[in-house]
Amino acid sequence: MPNEGAESLKVLDELFQKLTVSKEAADIKQSAGELAGFINGRIDDQAVPEKTIDDIKKALVNKKDATLREKAALAVEAIASHSEVGAGVEPYLIVLLPVVLAAVGDKITAVKNAANAAVLAIAGAVNGNAVKAALPYLMDSIRTAQKWPEKMAALDFILALVKTAPRPSLLPCP
């Protein structure tokens, strides 16, 4: 079994590298879809994609490369909007949420649009039980964000949660 987990991690790393070097929009979309399909597929529980999630986080906060930030946001959107979001992947979407919300405030329009789409995809993908985990990130973003698009994205996320999981969304509210 450990060999299978190591191979899964190797494939994930290769898929992420393929995404980062893709130039054409169609290639980027295809690479993001392949990455999403593999992460949401049946990989060994021991092979939780922590390194890939960390790589996506690093790419989202990369100050020098706007295309890398955009590709990372597209990857998050593809993972979250996959037809079957894996139960082992869902917590990582919540972990990615603050970084993706911050990317919505990016001054590059392509990054901003991709990040906004990723935020909405995460909102549609998370289970109603994840509301308690997501709300602190959302409230922090609303309170401390420097740019209004980030605040609007957090509010849109809350609106999407209320539509998809109305009962769990109301429980944590004062």
C-alpha atoms as a PDB file:
ATOM      1  CA  MET A   1       0.000   0.000   0.000  1.00  0.00           C
ATOM      2  CA  PRO A   2       2.676   2.612   0.796  1.00  0.00           C
ATOM      3  CA  ASN A   3       3.997   2.244  -2.761  1.00  0.00           C
ATOM      4  CA  GLU A   4       0.539   3.088  -4.160  1.00  0.00           C
ATOM      5  CA  GLY A   5       0.427   6.259  -2.019  1.00  0.00           C
ATOM      6  CA  ALA A   6       3.885   7.293  -3.215  1.00  0.00           C
ATOM      7  CA  GLU A   7       2.851   6.755  -6.829  1.00  0.00           C
ATOM      8  CA  SER A   8      -0.301   8.829  -6.283  1.00  0.00           C
ATOM      9  CA  LEU A   9       1.774  11.666  -4.889  1.00  0.00           C
ATOM     10  CA  LYS A  10       4.156  11.427  -7.836  1.00  0.00           C
ATOM     11  CA  VAL A  11       1.265  11.597 -10.309  1.00  0.00           C
ATOM     12  CA  LEU A  12      -0.252  14.565  -8.455  1.00  0.00           C
ATOM     13  CA  ASP A  13       3.078  16.375  -8.574  1.00  0.00           C
ATOM     14  CA  GLU A  14       3.414  15.682 -12.303  1.00  0.00           C
ATOM     15  CA  LEU A  15      -0.139  16.911 -12.970  1.00  0.00           C
ATOM     16  CA  PHE A  16       0.503  20.123 -11.030  1.00  0.00           C
ATOM     17  CA  GLN A  17       3.770  20.690 -12.893  1.00  0.00           C
ATOM     18  CA  LYS A  18       1.929  20.133 -16.189  1.00  0.00           C
ATOM     19  CA  LEU A  19      -0.594  22.779 -15.127  1.00  0.00           C
ATOM     20  CA  THR A  20       2.088  25.301 -14.232  1.00  0.00           C
ATOM     21  CA  VAL A  21       3.911  24.962 -17.563  1.00  0.00           C
ATOM     22  CA  SER A  22       0.810  24.999 -19.774  1.00  0.00           C
ATOM     23  CA  LYS A  23       0.575  28.068 -21.991  1.00  0.00           C
ATOM     24  CA  GLU A  24      -2.637  27.753 -24.027  1.00  0.00           C
ATOM     25  CA  ALA A  25      -6.038  28.278 -22.361  1.00  0.00           C
ATOM     26  CA  ALA A  26      -7.278  24.880 -23.564  1.00  0.00           C
ATOM     27  CA  ASP A  27      -4.180  23.141 -22.156  1.00  0.00           C
ATOM     28  CA  ILE A  28      -4.587  24.940 -18.822  1.00  0.00           C
ATOM     29  CA  LYS A  29      -8.237  23.924 -18.608  1.00  0.00           C
ATOM     30  CA  GLN A  30      -7.402  20.328 -19.527  1.00  0.00           C
ATOM     31  CA  SER A  31      -4.557  20.157 -16.988  1.00  0.00           C
ATOM     32  CA  ALA A  32      -6.757  21.620 -14.243  1.00  0.00           C
ATOM     33  CA  GLY A  33      -9.456  19.070 -15.095  1.00  0.00           C
ATOM     34  CA  GLU A  34      -6.986  16.189 -14.967  1.00  0.00           C
ATOM     35  CA  LEU A  35      -5.669  17.387 -11.605  1.00  0.00           C
ATOM     36  CA  ALA A  36      -9.214  17.716 -10.270  1.00  0.00           C
ATOM     37  CA  GLY A  37     -10.174  14.290 -11.544  1.00  0.00           C
ATOM     38  CA  PHE A  38      -7.181  12.656  -9.910  1.00  0.00           C
ATOM     39  CA  ILE A  39      -7.530  14.463  -6.570  1.00  0.00           C
ATOM     40  CA  ASN A  40     -11.253  13.704  -6.375  1.00  0.00           C
ATOM     41  CA  GLY A  41     -10.726  10.136  -7.576  1.00  0.00           C
ATOM     42  CA  ARG A  42     -10.141   7.105  -5.470  1.00  0.00           C
ATOM     43  CA  ILE A  43      -6.665   7.687  -4.170  1.00  0.00           C
ATOM     44  CA  ASP A  44      -5.442   5.937  -1.070  1.00  0.00           C
ATOM     45  CA  ASP A  45      -6.495   7.621   2.187  1.00  0.00           C
ATOM     46  CA  GLN A  46      -2.850   7.707   3.188  1.00  0.00           C
ATOM     47  CA  ALA A  47      -2.080   9.792   0.097  1.00  0.00           C
ATOM     48  CA  VAL A  48      -3.996  12.897   1.099  1.00  0.00           C
ATOM     49  CA  PRO A  49      -2.884  15.565  -1.376  1.00  0.00           C
ATOM     50  CA  GLU A  50      -1.293  17.871   1.211  1.00  0.00           C
ATOM     51  CA  LYS A  51       1.745  18.683  -0.926  1.00  0.00           C
ATOM     52  CA  THR A  52      -0.433  19.554  -3.925  1.00  0.00           C
ATOM     53  CA  ILE A  53      -2.656  21.742  -1.738  1.00  0.00           C
ATOM     54  CA  ASP A  54       0.452  23.485  -0.377  1.00  0.00           C
ATOM     55  CA  ASP A  55       1.721  23.981  -3.934  1.00  0.00           C
ATOM     56  CA  ILE A  56      -1.607  25.530  -4.917  1.00  0.00           C
ATOM     57  CA  LYS A  57      -1.447  27.835  -1.886  1.00  0.00           C
ATOM     58  CA  LYS A  58       2.077  28.915  -2.774  1.00  0.00           C
ATOM     59  CA  ALA A  59       1.047  29.558  -6.357  1.00  0.00           C
ATOM     60  CA  LEU A  60      -1.936  31.657  -5.251  1.00  0.00           C
ATOM     61  CA  VAL A  61       0.265  33.952  -3.171  1.00  0.00           C
ATOM     62  CA  ASN A  62       3.115  34.197  -5.692  1.00  0.00           C
ATOM     63  CA  LYS A  63       3.568  37.963  -6.090  1.00  0.00           C
ATOM     64  CA  LYS A  64       5.693  37.817  -9.232  1.00  0.00           C
ATOM     65  CA  ASP A  65       3.730  35.496 -11.541  1.00  0.00           C
ATOM     66  CA  ALA A  66       0.121  36.468 -12.265  1.00  0.00           C
ATOM     67  CA  THR A  67      -0.384  33.593 -14.693  1.00  0.00           C
ATOM     68  CA  LEU A  68       0.633  31.121 -11.997  1.00  0.00           C
ATOM     69  CA  ARG A  69      -1.894  32.691  -9.611  1.00  0.00           C
ATOM     70  CA  GLU A  70      -4.565  32.409 -12.276  1.00  0.00           C
ATOM     71  CA  LYS A  71      -3.698  28.771 -13.007  1.00  0.00           C
ATOM     72  CA  ALA A  72      -3.855  27.938  -9.303  1.00  0.00           C
ATOM     73  CA  ALA A  73      -7.281  29.588  -8.995  1.00  0.00           C
ATOM     74  CA  LEU A  74      -8.459  27.645 -12.056  1.00  0.00           C
ATOM     75  CA  ALA A  75      -7.189  24.437 -10.441  1.00  0.00           C
ATOM     76  CA  VAL A  76      -9.130  25.184  -7.247  1.00  0.00           C
ATOM     77  CA  GLU A  77     -12.250  25.870  -9.282  1.00  0.00           C
ATOM     78  CA  ALA A  78     -11.809  22.609 -11.217  1.00  0.00           C
ATOM     79  CA  ILE A  79     -11.300  20.626  -8.010  1.00  0.00           C
ATOM     80  CA  ALA A  80     -14.317  22.187  -6.313  1.00  0.00           C
ATOM     81  CA  SER A  81     -16.610  21.952  -9.314  1.00  0.00           C
ATOM     82  CA  HIS A  82     -15.731  18.342 -10.113  1.00  0.00           C
ATOM     83  CA  SER A  83     -18.800  16.126 -10.464  1.00  0.00           C
ATOM     84  CA  GLU A  84     -17.803  14.122  -7.384  1.00  0.00           C
ATOM     85  CA  VAL A  85     -15.845  16.079  -4.793  1.00  0.00           C
ATOM     86  CA  GLY A  86     -14.086  13.518  -2.651  1.00  0.00           C
ATOM     87  CA  ALA A  87     -14.804  13.444   1.064  1.00  0.00           C
ATOM     88  CA  GLY A  88     -11.056  13.603   1.719  1.00  0.00           C
ATOM     89  CA  VAL A  89     -10.713  16.708  -0.460  1.00  0.00           C
ATOM     90  CA  GLU A  90     -13.511  18.782   1.055  1.00  0.00           C
ATOM     91  CA  PRO A  91     -11.563  19.867   4.172  1.00  0.00           C
ATOM     92  CA  TYR A  92      -8.756  21.082   1.941  1.00  0.00           C
ATOM     93  CA  LEU A  93     -11.168  23.302   0.053  1.00  0.00           C
ATOM     94  CA  ILE A  94     -11.950  25.041   3.341  1.00  0.00           C
ATOM     95  CA  VAL A  95      -8.223  25.364   4.036  1.00  0.00           C
ATOM     96  CA  LEU A  96      -7.756  26.979   0.607  1.00  0.00           C
ATOM     97  CA  LEU A  97     -10.669  29.376   1.129  1.00  0.00           C
ATOM     98  CA  PRO A  98      -8.785  32.283   2.811  1.00  0.00           C
ATOM     99  CA  VAL A  99      -6.052  32.269   0.168  1.00  0.00           C
ATOM    100  CA  VAL A 100      -8.580  32.132  -2.666  1.00  0.00           C
ATOM    101  CA  LEU A 101     -10.597  34.942  -1.066  1.00  0.00           C
ATOM    102  CA  ALA A 102      -7.454  37.069  -0.885  1.00  0.00           C
ATOM    103  CA  ALA A 103      -6.787  36.345  -4.567  1.00  0.00           C
ATOM    104  CA  VAL A 104     -10.168  37.873  -5.425  1.00  0.00           C
ATOM    105  CA  GLY A 105      -8.634  41.226  -4.452  1.00  0.00           C
ATOM    106  CA  ASP A 106      -5.837  40.817  -7.015  1.00  0.00           C
ATOM    107  CA  LYS A 107      -5.315  43.765  -9.344  1.00  0.00           C
ATOM    108  CA  ILE A 108      -4.955  41.483 -12.394  1.00  0.00           C
ATOM    109  CA  THR A 109      -8.435  40.922 -13.810  1.00  0.00           C
ATOM    110  CA  ALA A 110      -7.814  37.342 -14.978  1.00  0.00           C
ATOM    111  CA  VAL A 111      -6.650  36.308 -11.503  1.00  0.00           C
ATOM    112  CA  LYS A 112      -9.565  38.123  -9.871  1.00  0.00           C
ATOM    113  CA  ASN A 113     -12.135  36.432 -12.132  1.00  0.00           C
ATOM    114  CA  ALA A 114     -10.608  32.968 -11.706  1.00  0.00           C
ATOM    115  CA  ALA A 115     -10.443  33.379  -7.928  1.00  0.00           C
ATOM    116  CA  ASN A 116     -14.037  34.602  -7.755  1.00  0.00           C
ATOM    117  CA  ALA A 117     -15.172  31.569  -9.749  1.00  0.00           C
ATOM    118  CA  ALA A 118     -13.137  29.342  -7.417  1.00  0.00           C
ATOM    119  CA  VAL A 119     -14.796  30.877  -4.324  1.00  0.00           C
ATOM    120  CA  LEU A 120     -18.247  30.191  -5.755  1.00  0.00           C
ATOM    121  CA  ALA A 121     -17.219  26.663  -6.753  1.00  0.00           C
ATOM    122  CA  ILE A 122     -16.005  25.988  -3.200  1.00  0.00           C
ATOM    123  CA  ALA A 123     -19.316  27.300  -1.858  1.00  0.00           C
ATOM    124  CA  GLY A 124     -21.176  24.873  -4.088  1.00  0.00           C
ATOM    125  CA  ALA A 125     -18.930  21.949  -3.219  1.00  0.00           C
ATOM    126  CA  VAL A 126     -18.785  22.078   0.559  1.00  0.00           C
ATOM    127  CA  ASN A 127     -21.084  20.011   2.662  1.00  0.00           C
ATOM    128  CA  GLY A 128     -23.543  21.710   5.002  1.00  0.00           C
ATOM    129  CA  ASN A 129     -21.500  20.356   7.892  1.00  0.00           C
ATOM    130  CA  ALA A 130     -18.520  22.444   6.775  1.00  0.00           C
ATOM    131  CA  VAL A 131     -20.320  25.716   7.485  1.00  0.00           C
ATOM    132  CA  LYS A 132     -18.834  26.013  10.971  1.00  0.00           C
ATOM    133  CA  ALA A 133     -15.350  25.537   9.568  1.00  0.00           C
ATOM    134  CA  ALA A 134     -15.818  28.096   6.783  1.00  0.00           C
ATOM    135  CA  LEU A 135     -17.486  30.892   8.747  1.00  0.00           C
ATOM    136  CA  PRO A 136     -14.396  32.056  10.698  1.00  0.00           C
ATOM    137  CA  TYR A 137     -12.485  32.527   7.427  1.00  0.00           C
ATOM    138  CA  LEU A 138     -15.402  34.362   5.888  1.00  0.00           C
ATOM    139  CA  MET A 139     -15.918  36.655   8.876  1.00  0.00           C
ATOM    140  CA  ASP A 140     -12.209  37.423   9.046  1.00  0.00           C
ATOM    141  CA  SER A 141     -12.230  38.279   5.357  1.00  0.00           C
ATOM    142  CA  ILE A 142     -15.235  40.557   5.734  1.00  0.00           C
ATOM    143  CA  ARG A 143     -13.704  42.335   8.740  1.00  0.00           C
ATOM    144  CA  THR A 144     -10.095  42.695   7.658  1.00  0.00           C
ATOM    145  CA  ALA A 145      -9.955  42.604   3.857  1.00  0.00           C
ATOM    146  CA  GLN A 146      -8.366  45.693   2.327  1.00  0.00           C
ATOM    147  CA  LYS A 147     -10.176  45.371  -0.991  1.00  0.00           C
ATOM    148  CA  TRP A 148     -13.910  45.361  -1.503  1.00  0.00           C
ATOM    149  CA  PRO A 149     -14.003  42.530  -4.102  1.00  0.00           C
ATOM    150  CA  GLU A 150     -12.714  40.150  -1.421  1.00  0.00           C
ATOM    151  CA  LYS A 151     -15.472  41.239   0.948  1.00  0.00           C
ATOM    152  CA  MET A 152     -18.072  40.811  -1.791  1.00  0.00           C
ATOM    153  CA  ALA A 153     -16.770  37.326  -2.576  1.00  0.00           C
ATOM    154  CA  ALA A 154     -17.085  36.358   1.099  1.00  0.00           C
ATOM    155  CA  LEU A 155     -20.652  37.660   1.144  1.00  0.00           C
ATOM    156  CA  ASP A 156     -21.433  35.783  -2.075  1.00  0.00           C
ATOM    157  CA  PHE A 157     -20.018  32.647  -0.456  1.00  0.00           C
ATOM    158  CA  ILE A 158     -22.331  33.093   2.527  1.00  0.00           C
ATOM    159  CA  LEU A 159     -25.270  33.662   0.188  1.00  0.00           C
ATOM    160  CA  ALA A 160     -24.453  30.455  -1.686  1.00  0.00           C
ATOM    161  CA  LEU A 161     -24.205  28.557   1.614  1.00  0.00           C
ATOM    162  CA  VAL A 162     -27.589  29.844   2.713  1.00  0.00           C
ATOM    163  CA  LYS A 163     -29.078  28.624  -0.573  1.00  0.00           C
ATOM    164  CA  THR A 164     -27.444  25.191  -0.558  1.00  0.00           C
ATOM    165  CA  ALA A 165     -27.507  24.449   3.188  1.00  0.00           C
ATOM    166  CA  PRO A 166     -30.014  26.795   4.842  1.00  0.00           C
ATOM    167  CA  ARG A 167     -30.359  24.926   8.125  1.00  0.00           C
ATOM    168  CA  PRO A 168     -26.645  24.456   8.970  1.00  0.00           C
ATOM    169  CA  SER A 169     -25.922  28.022   7.807  1.00  0.00           C
ATOM    170  CA  LEU A 170     -28.204  29.493  10.423  1.00  0.00           C
ATOM    171  CA  LEU A 171     -26.987  27.468  13.392  1.00  0.00           C
ATOM    172  CA  PRO A 172     -23.634  29.227  13.961  1.00  0.00           C
ATOM    173  CA  CYS A 173     -25.174  32.689  13.651  1.00  0.00           C
ATOM    174  CA  PRO A 174     -25.751  34.688  16.859  1.00  0.00           C
END
